[in-house]
PDB file of N, CA and C in Angstrom:
ATOM      1  N   MET A   1      13.494 -16.539   0.064  1.00  0.00           N
ATOM      2  CA  MET A   1      14.146 -15.740   0.989  1.00  0.00           C
ATOM      3  C   MET A   1      14.444 -16.648   2.149  1.00  0.00           C
ATOM      4  N   ASP A   2      13.927 -17.897   2.264  1.00  0.00           N
ATOM      5  CA  ASP A   2      14.173 -18.321   3.361  1.00  0.00           C
ATOM      6  C   ASP A   2      15.915 -18.931   3.296  1.00  0.00           C
ATOM      7  N   ALA A   3      15.788 -19.464   1.714  1.00  0.00           N
ATOM      8  CA  ALA A   3      17.647 -20.128   1.605  1.00  0.00           C
ATOM      9  C   ALA A   3      18.627 -18.995   1.906  1.00  0.00           C
ATOM     10  N   TYR A   4      18.147 -17.703   1.788  1.00  0.00           N
ATOM     11  CA  TYR A   4      19.151 -16.728   1.900  1.00  0.00           C
ATOM     12  C   TYR A   4      19.180 -15.997   3.957  1.00  0.00           C
ATOM     13  N   GLY A   5      18.131 -16.751   4.028  1.00  0.00           N
ATOM     14  CA  GLY A   5      18.176 -16.278   5.238  1.00  0.00           C
ATOM     15  C   GLY A   5      17.662 -14.971   5.945  1.00  0.00           C
ATOM     16  N   PHE A   6      16.710 -14.766   4.826  1.00  0.00           N
ATOM     17  CA  PHE A   6      15.672 -13.357   5.386  1.00  0.00           C
ATOM     18  C   PHE A   6      14.496 -13.725   6.137  1.00  0.00           C
ATOM     19  N   TYR A   7      14.509 -13.031   7.094  1.00  0.00           N
ATOM     20  CA  TYR A   7      13.106 -13.011   7.994  1.00  0.00           C
ATOM     21  C   TYR A   7      12.498 -12.309   6.886  1.00  0.00           C
ATOM     22  N   HIS A   8      10.890 -13.373   6.927  1.00  0.00           N
ATOM     23  CA  HIS A   8       9.622 -12.152   6.064  1.00  0.00           C
ATOM     24  C   HIS A   8       8.552 -12.718   6.156  1.00  0.00           C
ATOM     25  N   GLU A   9       7.352 -12.101   5.794  1.00  0.00           N
ATOM     26  CA  GLU A   9       5.767 -12.545   6.396  1.00  0.00           C
ATOM     27  C   GLU A   9       5.126 -12.153   5.230  1.00  0.00           C
ATOM     28  N   MET A  10       4.506 -13.154   4.794  1.00  0.00           N
ATOM     29  CA  MET A  10       3.550 -13.250   3.760  1.00  0.00           C
ATOM     30  C   MET A  10       1.955 -12.193   4.031  1.00  0.00           C
ATOM     31  N   ILE A  11       2.684 -11.111   3.067  1.00  0.00           N
ATOM     32  CA  ILE A  11       1.389 -10.028   2.854  1.00  0.00           C
ATOM     33  C   ILE A  11       0.244 -10.686   2.006  1.00  0.00           C
ATOM     34  N   TYR A  12      -0.759 -10.842   1.727  1.00  0.00           N
ATOM     35  CA  TYR A  12      -1.537 -11.656   1.172  1.00  0.00           C
ATOM     36  C   TYR A  12      -2.426 -10.080   0.312  1.00  0.00           C
ATOM     37  N   GLN A  13      -2.412  -9.769  -1.024  1.00  0.00           N
ATOM     38  CA  GLN A  13      -2.822  -8.991  -2.024  1.00  0.00           C
ATOM     39  C   GLN A  13      -4.023  -9.264  -2.423  1.00  0.00           C
ATOM     40  N   ASN A  14      -5.136  -9.467  -1.394  1.00  0.00           N
ATOM     41  CA  ASN A  14      -6.536  -9.625  -1.510  1.00  0.00           C
ATOM     42  C   ASN A  14      -7.532  -8.426  -0.592  1.00  0.00           C
ATOM     43  N   ARG A  15      -8.757  -8.721  -1.123  1.00  0.00           N
ATOM     44  CA  ARG A  15      -9.395  -7.447  -0.651  1.00  0.00           C
ATOM     45  C   ARG A  15      -9.644  -7.193   0.788  1.00  0.00           C
ATOM     46  N   PHE A  16      -9.300  -8.498   1.668  1.00  0.00           N
ATOM     47  CA  PHE A  16      -9.678  -8.465   3.213  1.00  0.00           C
ATOM     48  C   PHE A  16      -8.631  -8.137   3.798  1.00  0.00           C
ATOM     49  N   VAL A  17      -7.101  -8.316   3.113  1.00  0.00           N
ATOM     50  CA  VAL A  17      -6.012  -7.674   3.845  1.00  0.00           C
ATOM     51  C   VAL A  17      -5.568  -6.489   3.464  1.00  0.00           C
ATOM     52  N   MET A  18      -5.633  -5.942   1.999  1.00  0.00           N
ATOM     53  CA  MET A  18      -5.139  -4.685   1.483  1.00  0.00           C
ATOM     54  C   MET A  18      -6.148  -3.464   1.808  1.00  0.00           C
ATOM     55  N   SER A  19      -7.474  -4.001   2.230  1.00  0.00           N
ATOM     56  CA  SER A  19      -8.675  -3.013   2.433  1.00  0.00           C
ATOM     57  C   SER A  19      -8.270  -2.026   3.489  1.00  0.00           C
ATOM     58  N   SER A  20      -7.628  -2.001   4.698  1.00  0.00           N
ATOM     59  CA  SER A  20      -7.285  -1.255   5.707  1.00  0.00           C
ATOM     60  C   SER A  20      -6.078  -0.285   5.345  1.00  0.00           C
ATOM     61  N   PRO A  21      -5.223  -1.342   5.169  1.00  0.00           N
ATOM     62  CA  PRO A  21      -4.182  -0.200   4.579  1.00  0.00           C
ATOM     63  C   PRO A  21      -4.470   0.539   3.692  1.00  0.00           C
ATOM     64  N   MET A  22      -4.987   0.492   2.516  1.00  0.00           N
ATOM     65  CA  MET A  22      -5.461   1.602   1.095  1.00  0.00           C
ATOM     66  C   MET A  22      -6.172   2.230   1.804  1.00  0.00           C
ATOM     67  N   LYS A  23      -7.212   2.177   2.759  1.00  0.00           N
ATOM     68  CA  LYS A  23      -8.091   3.315   3.224  1.00  0.00           C
ATOM     69  C   LYS A  23      -7.141   4.088   4.168  1.00  0.00           C
ATOM     70  N   LEU A  24      -6.123   3.998   4.595  1.00  0.00           N
ATOM     71  CA  LEU A  24      -5.240   4.721   5.719  1.00  0.00           C
ATOM     72  C   LEU A  24      -4.608   5.626   4.927  1.00  0.00           C
ATOM     73  N   VAL A  25      -4.126   4.954   3.534  1.00  0.00           N
ATOM     74  CA  VAL A  25      -3.108   5.651   2.392  1.00  0.00           C
ATOM     75  C   VAL A  25      -4.023   6.755   1.582  1.00  0.00           C
ATOM     76  N   GLU A  26      -5.456   6.479   1.458  1.00  0.00           N
ATOM     77  CA  GLU A  26      -5.869   7.168   1.139  1.00  0.00           C
ATOM     78  C   GLU A  26      -6.037   8.349   2.034  1.00  0.00           C
ATOM     79  N   ALA A  27      -6.351   8.553   3.264  1.00  0.00           N
ATOM     80  CA  ALA A  27      -6.692   9.546   4.166  1.00  0.00           C
ATOM     81  C   ALA A  27      -5.685  10.270   4.369  1.00  0.00           C
ATOM     82  N   ASP A  28      -4.032   9.523   4.520  1.00  0.00           N
ATOM     83  CA  ASP A  28      -2.894  10.284   4.638  1.00  0.00           C
ATOM     84  C   ASP A  28      -2.541  10.921   3.337  1.00  0.00           C
ATOM     85  N   LEU A  29      -2.756  10.403   2.037  1.00  0.00           N
ATOM     86  CA  LEU A  29      -2.469  10.985   0.884  1.00  0.00           C
ATOM     87  C   LEU A  29      -3.513  12.462   0.819  1.00  0.00           C
ATOM     88  N   LYS A  30      -4.436  12.460   1.038  1.00  0.00           N
ATOM     89  CA  LYS A  30      -5.815  13.060   1.256  1.00  0.00           C
ATOM     90  C   LYS A  30      -5.066  14.780   2.069  1.00  0.00           C
ATOM     91  N   ASP A  31      -4.611  14.018   3.403  1.00  0.00           N
ATOM     92  CA  ASP A  31      -4.076  15.038   4.131  1.00  0.00           C
ATOM     93  C   ASP A  31      -2.971  15.536   4.192  1.00  0.00           C
ATOM     94  N   ARG A  32      -2.058  15.255   3.007  1.00  0.00           N
ATOM     95  CA  ARG A  32      -0.848  15.548   2.406  1.00  0.00           C
ATOM     96  C   ARG A  32       0.023  14.954   3.768  1.00  0.00           C
ATOM     97  N   LEU A  33       0.389  14.095   4.088  1.00  0.00           N
ATOM     98  CA  LEU A  33       1.045  13.227   5.154  1.00  0.00           C
ATOM     99  C   LEU A  33       2.291  12.328   4.645  1.00  0.00           C
ATOM    100  N   ILE A  34       1.809  12.054   3.556  1.00  0.00           N
ATOM    101  CA  ILE A  34       2.861  11.183   2.692  1.00  0.00           C
ATOM    102  C   ILE A  34       3.813  11.913   1.932  1.00  0.00           C
ATOM    103  N   ASN A  35       5.097  12.044   1.984  1.00  0.00           N
ATOM    104  CA  ASN A  35       6.195  12.497   1.301  1.00  0.00           C
ATOM    105  C   ASN A  35       6.704  11.693   0.236  1.00  0.00           C
ATOM    106  N   TYR A  36       6.436  11.863  -0.854  1.00  0.00           N
ATOM    107  CA  TYR A  36       7.195  11.434  -1.753  1.00  0.00           C
ATOM    108  C   TYR A  36       7.981  12.328  -2.648  1.00  0.00           C
ATOM    109  N   ASN A  37       8.277  13.110  -2.000  1.00  0.00           N
ATOM    110  CA  ASN A  37       9.357  14.397  -3.144  1.00  0.00           C
ATOM    111  C   ASN A  37       8.872  14.787  -4.221  1.00  0.00           C
ATOM    112  N   ASN A  38       7.950  14.648  -4.460  1.00  0.00           N
ATOM    113  CA  ASN A  38       7.683  14.548  -6.150  1.00  0.00           C
ATOM    114  C   ASN A  38       8.210  13.481  -7.045  1.00  0.00           C
ATOM    115  N   ASN A  39       8.566  12.791  -6.856  1.00  0.00           N
ATOM    116  CA  ASN A  39       9.697  11.505  -7.082  1.00  0.00           C
ATOM    117  C   ASN A  39       8.235  11.529  -8.509  1.00  0.00           C
ATOM    118  N   GLU A  40       8.735  11.392  -9.736  1.00  0.00           N
ATOM    119  CA  GLU A  40       7.836  11.199 -11.096  1.00  0.00           C
ATOM    120  C   GLU A  40       7.576   9.751 -10.991  1.00  0.00           C
ATOM    121  N   ILE A  41       8.424   9.014 -10.673  1.00  0.00           N
ATOM    122  CA  ILE A  41       8.013   7.198 -10.727  1.00  0.00           C
ATOM    123  C   ILE A  41       6.666   7.110  -9.693  1.00  0.00           C
ATOM    124  N   ASP A  42       6.578   7.668  -8.580  1.00  0.00           N
ATOM    125  CA  ASP A  42       5.742   7.582  -7.401  1.00  0.00           C
ATOM    126  C   ASP A  42       5.021   8.248  -8.032  1.00  0.00           C
ATOM    127  N   MET A  43       4.638   9.488  -8.506  1.00  0.00           N
ATOM    128  CA  MET A  43       3.672  10.220  -9.081  1.00  0.00           C
ATOM    129  C   MET A  43       2.738   9.628  -9.884  1.00  0.00           C
ATOM    130  N   TRP A  44       3.401   8.894 -10.856  1.00  0.00           N
ATOM    131  CA  TRP A  44       3.199   7.871 -12.263  1.00  0.00           C
ATOM    132  C   TRP A  44       2.317   6.783 -11.447  1.00  0.00           C
ATOM    133  N   CYS A  45       2.923   5.561 -10.551  1.00  0.00           N
ATOM    134  CA  CYS A  45       2.506   4.615 -10.074  1.00  0.00           C
ATOM    135  C   CYS A  45       0.853   4.973  -9.589  1.00  0.00           C
ATOM    136  N   LEU A  46       1.194   6.311  -8.434  1.00  0.00           N
ATOM    137  CA  LEU A  46      -0.077   6.541  -7.772  1.00  0.00           C
ATOM    138  C   LEU A  46      -1.279   7.361  -8.842  1.00  0.00           C
ATOM    139  N   GLY A  47      -0.447   7.849  -9.946  1.00  0.00           N
ATOM    140  CA  GLY A  47      -1.503   8.148 -10.805  1.00  0.00           C
ATOM    141  C   GLY A  47      -2.564   7.038 -11.586  1.00  0.00           C
ATOM    142  N   ASN A  48      -1.962   6.086 -11.585  1.00  0.00           N
ATOM    143  CA  ASN A  48      -2.377   4.917 -12.252  1.00  0.00           C
ATOM    144  C   ASN A  48      -3.169   3.866 -11.699  1.00  0.00           C
ATOM    145  N   ALA A  49      -3.096   4.163 -10.060  1.00  0.00           N
ATOM    146  CA  ALA A  49      -3.907   3.539  -9.254  1.00  0.00           C
ATOM    147  C   ALA A  49      -5.096   3.695  -9.072  1.00  0.00           C
ATOM    148  N   ALA A  50      -6.166   3.091  -9.198  1.00  0.00           N
ATOM    149  CA  ALA A  50      -7.415   3.374  -8.883  1.00  0.00           C
ATOM    150  C   ALA A  50      -7.957   2.564  -7.334  1.00  0.00           C
ATOM    151  N   MET A  51      -9.208   2.719  -6.815  1.00  0.00           N
ATOM    152  CA  MET A  51      -9.842   1.724  -5.827  1.00  0.00           C
ATOM    153  C   MET A  51     -10.907   0.989  -6.462  1.00  0.00           C
ATOM    154  N   GLU A  52     -11.050  -0.323  -6.337  1.00  0.00           N
ATOM    155  CA  GLU A  52     -12.413  -1.183  -6.615  1.00  0.00           C
ATOM    156  C   GLU A  52     -12.726  -1.493  -5.154  1.00  0.00           C
ATOM    157  N   MET A  53     -14.175  -1.085  -5.060  1.00  0.00           N
ATOM    158  CA  MET A  53     -14.934  -1.292  -3.557  1.00  0.00           C
ATOM    159  C   MET A  53     -15.904  -2.931  -4.096  1.00  0.00           C
ATOM    160  N   ASP A  54     -15.716  -3.318  -3.187  1.00  0.00           N
ATOM    161  CA  ASP A  54     -17.312  -4.613  -3.416  1.00  0.00           C
ATOM    162  C   ASP A  54     -17.608  -4.279  -2.452  1.00  0.00           C
ATOM    163  N   ASN A  55     -19.268  -4.746  -2.133  1.00  0.00           N
ATOM    164  CA  ASN A  55     -20.503  -4.539  -1.523  1.00  0.00           C
ATOM    165  C   ASN A  55     -20.529  -4.612  -0.293  1.00  0.00           C
ATOM    166  N   LEU A  56     -19.371  -5.168   0.458  1.00  0.00           N
ATOM    167  CA  LEU A  56     -18.934  -5.376   1.566  1.00  0.00           C
ATOM    168  C   LEU A  56     -18.098  -4.186   2.342  1.00  0.00           C
ATOM    169  N   GLY A  57     -17.855  -2.998   1.071  1.00  0.00           N
ATOM    170  CA  GLY A  57     -16.843  -2.285   1.691  1.00  0.00           C
ATOM    171  C   GLY A  57     -15.298  -2.551   1.787  1.00  0.00           C
ATOM    172  N   ASN A  58     -15.263  -3.741   1.186  1.00  0.00           N
ATOM    173  CA  ASN A  58     -13.761  -4.060   0.917  1.00  0.00           C
ATOM    174  C   ASN A  58     -13.089  -3.273   0.016  1.00  0.00           C
ATOM    175  N   CYS A  59     -11.965  -2.969  -0.071  1.00  0.00           N
ATOM    176  CA  CYS A  59     -11.411  -2.212  -1.433  1.00  0.00           C
ATOM    177  C   CYS A  59      -9.904  -2.653  -1.368  1.00  0.00           C
ATOM    178  N   MET A  60      -9.871  -2.357  -2.751  1.00  0.00           N
ATOM    179  CA  MET A  60      -8.120  -3.325  -3.359  1.00  0.00           C
ATOM    180  C   MET A  60      -7.745  -1.877  -4.391  1.00  0.00           C
ATOM    181  N   CYS A  61      -6.281  -2.420  -4.344  1.00  0.00           N
ATOM    182  CA  CYS A  61      -5.747  -1.282  -5.693  1.00  0.00           C
ATOM    183  C   CYS A  61      -5.905  -2.268  -7.076  1.00  0.00           C
ATOM    184  N   VAL A  62      -6.444  -1.179  -8.351  1.00  0.00           N
ATOM    185  CA  VAL A  62      -6.171  -1.436  -9.391  1.00  0.00           C
ATOM    186  C   VAL A  62      -5.650  -0.777 -10.217  1.00  0.00           C
ATOM    187  N   LYS A  63      -5.486  -1.246 -11.479  1.00  0.00           N
ATOM    188  CA  LYS A  63      -5.045  -0.192 -12.440  1.00  0.00           C
ATOM    189  C   LYS A  63      -6.402   0.508 -13.070  1.00  0.00           C
ATOM    190  N   VAL A  64      -5.867   1.856 -13.221  1.00  0.00           N
ATOM    191  CA  VAL A  64      -6.989   2.935 -13.723  1.00  0.00           C
ATOM    192  C   VAL A  64      -7.429   2.057 -15.255  1.00  0.00           C
ATOM    193  N   ASN A  65      -8.891   1.736 -15.397  1.00  0.00           N
ATOM    194  CA  ASN A  65      -9.635   1.676 -16.382  1.00  0.00           C
ATOM    195  C   ASN A  65      -9.227  -0.308 -16.728  1.00  0.00           C
ATOM    196  N   ASN A  66      -8.403  -0.490 -15.906  1.00  0.00           N
ATOM    197  CA  ASN A  66      -7.548  -1.740 -16.267  1.00  0.00           C
ATOM    198  C   ASN A  66      -6.676  -2.156 -17.208  1.00  0.00           C
ATOM    199  N   GLN A  67      -6.076  -0.843 -17.382  1.00  0.00           N
ATOM    200  CA  GLN A  67      -4.873  -0.969 -18.610  1.00  0.00           C
ATOM    201  C   GLN A  67      -3.537  -1.703 -18.228  1.00  0.00           C
ATOM    202  N   ARG A  68      -3.578  -2.556 -19.266  1.00  0.00           N
ATOM    203  CA  ARG A  68      -2.392  -3.126 -18.761  1.00  0.00           C
ATOM    204  C   ARG A  68      -0.807  -2.570 -18.806  1.00  0.00           C
ATOM    205  N   SER A  69      -0.790  -1.448 -19.741  1.00  0.00           N
ATOM    206  CA  SER A  69       0.298  -0.495 -19.900  1.00  0.00           C
ATOM    207  C   SER A  69       0.403   0.085 -18.575  1.00  0.00           C
ATOM    208  N   ARG A  70      -0.259   0.373 -17.640  1.00  0.00           N
ATOM    209  CA  ARG A  70      -0.438   1.026 -16.295  1.00  0.00           C
ATOM    210  C   ARG A  70       0.693   0.035 -15.221  1.00  0.00           C
ATOM    211  N   ARG A  71       1.710   0.991 -14.614  1.00  0.00           N
ATOM    212  CA  ARG A  71       2.164   0.212 -13.354  1.00  0.00           C
ATOM    213  C   ARG A  71       1.571   0.899 -12.376  1.00  0.00           C
ATOM    214  N   ILE A  72       1.343  -0.340 -10.958  1.00  0.00           N
ATOM    215  CA  ILE A  72       0.884   0.556 -10.147  1.00  0.00           C
ATOM    216  C   ILE A  72       1.677  -0.072  -8.877  1.00  0.00           C
ATOM    217  N   ASP A  73       3.055  -0.823  -8.908  1.00  0.00           N
ATOM    218  CA  ASP A  73       3.728  -1.694  -8.202  1.00  0.00           C
ATOM    219  C   ASP A  73       3.991  -0.410  -6.939  1.00  0.00           C
ATOM    220  N   GLY A  74       4.500   0.938  -7.466  1.00  0.00           N
ATOM    221  CA  GLY A  74       4.882   1.789  -6.381  1.00  0.00           C
ATOM    222  C   GLY A  74       3.802   1.749  -5.233  1.00  0.00           C
ATOM    223  N   ALA A  75       2.862   1.870  -6.122  1.00  0.00           N
ATOM    224  CA  ALA A  75       1.146   2.458  -4.980  1.00  0.00           C
ATOM    225  C   ALA A  75       0.431   0.999  -4.644  1.00  0.00           C
ATOM    226  N   VAL A  76       0.980   0.112  -4.942  1.00  0.00           N
ATOM    227  CA  VAL A  76       0.749  -1.647  -4.035  1.00  0.00           C
ATOM    228  C   VAL A  76       1.818  -1.841  -2.654  1.00  0.00           C
ATOM    229  N   SER A  77       3.337  -1.065  -2.988  1.00  0.00           N
ATOM    230  CA  SER A  77       4.259  -1.051  -2.274  1.00  0.00           C
ATOM    231  C   SER A  77       3.878  -0.376  -1.415  1.00  0.00           C
ATOM    232  N   LEU A  78       3.544   0.559  -1.278  1.00  0.00           N
ATOM    233  CA  LEU A  78       2.966   1.794  -0.277  1.00  0.00           C
ATOM    234  C   LEU A  78       2.445   1.285   0.677  1.00  0.00           C
ATOM    235  N   ILE A  79       0.870   0.439   0.309  1.00  0.00           N
ATOM    236  CA  ILE A  79      -0.091  -0.325   0.592  1.00  0.00           C
ATOM    237  C   ILE A  79       0.376  -1.148   1.325  1.00  0.00           C
ATOM    238  N   ILE A  80       1.493  -1.815   1.298  1.00  0.00           N
ATOM    239  CA  ILE A  80       1.547  -3.209   1.895  1.00  0.00           C
ATOM    240  C   ILE A  80       2.539  -2.703   3.189  1.00  0.00           C
ATOM    241  N   LEU A  81       3.524  -1.550   3.071  1.00  0.00           N
ATOM    242  CA  LEU A  81       3.913  -0.884   3.898  1.00  0.00           C
ATOM    243  C   LEU A  81       3.167  -0.346   5.236  1.00  0.00           C
ATOM    244  N   TYR A  82       2.117   0.109   4.801  1.00  0.00           N
ATOM    245  CA  TYR A  82       1.246   0.379   5.534  1.00  0.00           C
ATOM    246  C   TYR A  82       0.892  -0.627   6.208  1.00  0.00           C
ATOM    247  N   GLU A  83       0.614  -1.650   5.737  1.00  0.00           N
ATOM    248  CA  GLU A  83       0.138  -3.210   6.444  1.00  0.00           C
ATOM    249  C   GLU A  83       0.897  -3.983   7.481  1.00  0.00           C
ATOM    250  N   VAL A  84       2.008  -3.245   7.312  1.00  0.00           N
ATOM    251  CA  VAL A  84       3.231  -4.107   7.791  1.00  0.00           C
ATOM    252  C   VAL A  84       3.291  -3.155   8.830  1.00  0.00           C
ATOM    253  N   TYR A  85       3.023  -1.494   8.954  1.00  0.00           N
ATOM    254  CA  TYR A  85       3.561  -0.839   9.888  1.00  0.00           C
ATOM    255  C   TYR A  85       2.300  -1.065  11.109  1.00  0.00           C
ATOM    256  N   ARG A  86       1.076  -1.138   9.965  1.00  0.00           N
ATOM    257  CA  ARG A  86      -0.016  -1.582  11.122  1.00  0.00           C
ATOM    258  C   ARG A  86      -0.119  -2.583  11.966  1.00  0.00           C
ATOM    259  N   ARG A  87       0.576  -3.649  11.315  1.00  0.00           N
ATOM    260  CA  ARG A  87       0.708  -5.055  12.479  1.00  0.00           C
ATOM    261  C   ARG A  87       1.809  -5.038  13.468  1.00  0.00           C
ATOM    262  N   TYR A  88       2.817  -4.150  13.344  1.00  0.00           N
ATOM    263  CA  TYR A  88       4.050  -3.602  14.033  1.00  0.00           C
ATOM    264  C   TYR A  88       3.839  -2.587  14.595  1.00  0.00           C
ATOM    265  N   ARG A  89       2.987  -1.423  14.704  1.00  0.00           N
ATOM    266  CA  ARG A  89       3.521  -0.210  14.919  1.00  0.00           C
ATOM    267  C   ARG A  89       3.721  -0.005  16.715  1.00  0.00           C
ATOM    268  N   SER A  90       3.399  -1.000  17.328  1.00  0.00           N
ATOM    269  CA  SER A  90       3.628  -1.134  18.758  1.00  0.00           C
ATOM    270  C   SER A  90       5.154  -1.125  19.026  1.00  0.00           C
ATOM    271  N   GLU A  91       5.731  -2.217  18.223  1.00  0.00           N
ATOM    272  CA  GLU A  91       6.701  -2.219  18.228  1.00  0.00           C
ATOM    273  C   GLU A  91       7.823  -1.042  17.459  1.00  0.00           C
ATOM    274  N   PHE A  92       7.173  -0.789  16.163  1.00  0.00           N
ATOM    275  CA  PHE A  92       8.024   1.028  16.148  1.00  0.00           C
ATOM    276  C   PHE A  92       7.906   1.181  16.762  1.00  0.00           C
ATOM    277  N   ALA A  93       6.857   1.673  17.723  1.00  0.00           N
ATOM    278  CA  ALA A  93       7.139   3.176  19.034  1.00  0.00           C
ATOM    279  C   ALA A  93       7.692   2.519  19.648  1.00  0.00           C
ATOM    280  N   LYS A  94       7.784   1.194  20.055  1.00  0.00           N
ATOM    281  CA  LYS A  94       8.964   1.493  21.431  1.00  0.00           C
ATOM    282  C   LYS A  94      10.288   1.387  21.239  1.00  0.00           C
ATOM    283  N   ASN A  95      10.734   1.310  19.211  1.00  0.00           N
ATOM    284  CA  ASN A  95      11.821   1.237  19.329  1.00  0.00           C
ATOM    285  C   ASN A  95      12.410   2.982  18.987  1.00  0.00           C
ATOM    286  N   LEU A  96      11.479   3.631  19.106  1.00  0.00           N
ATOM    287  CA  LEU A  96      11.359   5.156  18.452  1.00  0.00           C
ATOM    288  C   LEU A  96      11.948   5.873  19.918  1.00  0.00           C
ATOM    289  N   ARG A  97      11.675   5.363  20.898  1.00  0.00           N
ATOM    290  CA  ARG A  97      12.087   5.895  22.437  1.00  0.00           C
ATOM    291  C   ARG A  97      13.678   5.547  22.828  1.00  0.00           C
TER     292      ARG A  97
END
């Protein structure tokens, strides 16, 4: 990305970084605040995703039953987007005005 001049930021996919945004995504899905327009691929990825929690309450997105054929890329992308939003929400709000 650097070679092409894109600004980017590393979002580590571990329990410590992904826990908060995953809990936010879970809550927003339960409250039906996330609109994915019944997209078949989104529904498939979200249906393949499960939450794995450690003894400290940190959670991470994993494949249901650890099946290799399942894809969760769409669900993980949504969680990463929530982390980016969480980091920069004041800047997002400022630009909405």
